[in-house]
Amino acid sequence: MSVFFTLLGIWAVTYAARLAGLNLGHLRLSPFWLAFLRFVPISVFAALIVPDIATSADWPKQLLACAVAAFLFWRTRALAWGILGGFAVYWVLRQV
């Protein structure tokens, strides 16, 4: 029964956070906060990727694939090309 209440609590917190975010859509943010919030997705992505690469046995291959993906995204401004290029480089490096 505790698993049910744990899941119910997780659902309630997630639902409340999303509902609050949707209800705050009419607020006008200052330029400082708008500039600050531009970096949140990058920070979250780095927080998810860096620990995985740092603790992996094949971190040099992953790091090179990440660099290629970042370069492709920077040059093309298309997320799909960055992801596909990074995966392709990592796949090729794993075969070597």
Protein backbone atom coordinates (compact mmCIF):
# COMPACT_ATOMS: atom_id res chain seq x y z
CA MET A 1 0.00 0.00 0.00
CA SER A 2 2.91 2.38 0.59
CA VAL A 3 3.92 2.13 -3.08
CA PHE A 4 0.47 3.38 -4.03
CA PHE A 5 0.74 6.37 -1.69
CA THR A 6 4.25 7.10 -2.93
CA LEU A 7 3.06 7.14 -6.54
CA LEU A 8 0.05 9.23 -5.55
CA GLY A 9 2.36 11.74 -3.85
CA ILE A 10 4.65 11.90 -6.89
CA TRP A 11 1.64 12.47 -9.12
CA ALA A 12 0.27 15.22 -6.86
CA VAL A 13 3.56 17.12 -6.71
CA THR A 14 4.10 16.86 -10.47
CA TYR A 15 0.53 17.90 -11.24
CA ALA A 16 0.72 20.87 -8.86
CA ALA A 17 3.99 22.07 -10.37
CA ARG A 18 2.64 21.86 -13.91
CA LEU A 19 -0.62 23.53 -12.94
CA ALA A 20 1.27 26.37 -11.24
CA GLY A 21 3.44 26.83 -14.33
CA LEU A 22 0.43 26.99 -16.61
CA ASN A 23 -1.38 29.47 -14.36
CA LEU A 24 1.63 31.79 -14.21
CA GLY A 25 1.72 32.23 -17.99
CA HIS A 26 0.24 35.72 -17.83
CA LEU A 27 3.11 37.14 -15.75
CA ARG A 28 5.64 39.47 -17.34
CA LEU A 29 9.18 38.56 -16.41
CA SER A 30 12.02 41.03 -16.18
CA PRO A 31 14.82 40.84 -18.76
CA PHE A 32 17.11 39.39 -16.07
CA TRP A 33 14.82 36.38 -15.51
CA LEU A 34 14.25 35.89 -19.22
CA ALA A 35 18.01 35.78 -19.80
CA PHE A 36 18.44 33.46 -16.82
CA LEU A 37 15.77 31.03 -18.00
CA ARG A 38 17.38 30.76 -21.43
CA PHE A 39 20.17 28.69 -19.86
CA VAL A 40 18.00 26.26 -17.89
CA PRO A 41 17.64 23.63 -20.68
CA ILE A 42 21.40 23.66 -21.30
CA SER A 43 22.12 23.25 -17.59
CA VAL A 44 19.66 20.38 -17.20
CA PHE A 45 21.08 18.62 -20.28
CA ALA A 46 24.63 18.97 -18.94
CA ALA A 47 23.55 17.68 -15.53
CA LEU A 48 22.12 14.58 -17.18
CA ILE A 49 24.99 13.89 -19.59
CA VAL A 50 28.20 14.73 -17.69
CA PRO A 51 27.86 12.17 -14.85
CA ASP A 52 27.11 9.41 -17.36
CA ILE A 53 30.16 10.23 -19.44
CA ALA A 54 32.43 10.71 -16.42
CA THR A 55 31.65 7.28 -14.97
CA SER A 56 31.65 5.33 -18.23
CA ALA A 57 34.41 2.96 -19.26
CA ASP A 58 34.39 4.27 -22.84
CA TRP A 59 34.28 7.96 -21.93
CA PRO A 60 36.76 9.07 -24.62
CA LYS A 61 34.45 7.77 -27.35
CA GLN A 62 31.41 9.36 -25.74
CA LEU A 63 33.23 12.66 -25.25
CA LEU A 64 34.28 12.75 -28.91
CA ALA A 65 30.73 11.94 -30.02
CA CYS A 66 29.40 14.75 -27.79
CA ALA A 67 31.91 17.17 -29.28
CA VAL A 68 30.87 16.24 -32.81
CA ALA A 69 27.19 16.57 -31.87
CA ALA A 70 27.81 20.01 -30.32
CA PHE A 71 29.75 21.14 -33.37
CA LEU A 72 27.02 19.97 -35.76
CA PHE A 73 24.34 21.65 -33.71
CA TRP A 74 26.36 24.88 -33.55
CA ARG A 75 26.95 24.93 -37.31
CA THR A 76 23.51 23.85 -38.50
CA ARG A 77 21.29 25.04 -35.61
CA ALA A 78 19.32 21.83 -36.19
CA LEU A 79 19.04 19.58 -33.16
CA ALA A 80 18.30 16.55 -35.34
CA TRP A 81 21.65 16.84 -37.16
CA GLY A 82 23.50 17.14 -33.87
CA ILE A 83 21.82 14.08 -32.42
CA LEU A 84 22.20 11.98 -35.55
CA GLY A 85 25.82 13.02 -36.05
CA GLY A 86 26.72 12.31 -32.42
CA PHE A 87 25.08 8.90 -32.53
CA ALA A 88 26.77 8.08 -35.84
CA VAL A 89 30.22 9.00 -34.54
CA TYR A 90 29.69 7.03 -31.34
CA TRP A 91 28.46 4.01 -33.29
CA VAL A 92 31.48 4.11 -35.60
CA LEU A 93 33.87 4.50 -32.66
CA ARG A 94 32.31 1.51 -30.90
CA GLN A 95 32.92 -0.63 -33.98
CA VAL A 96 36.63 0.21 -34.02
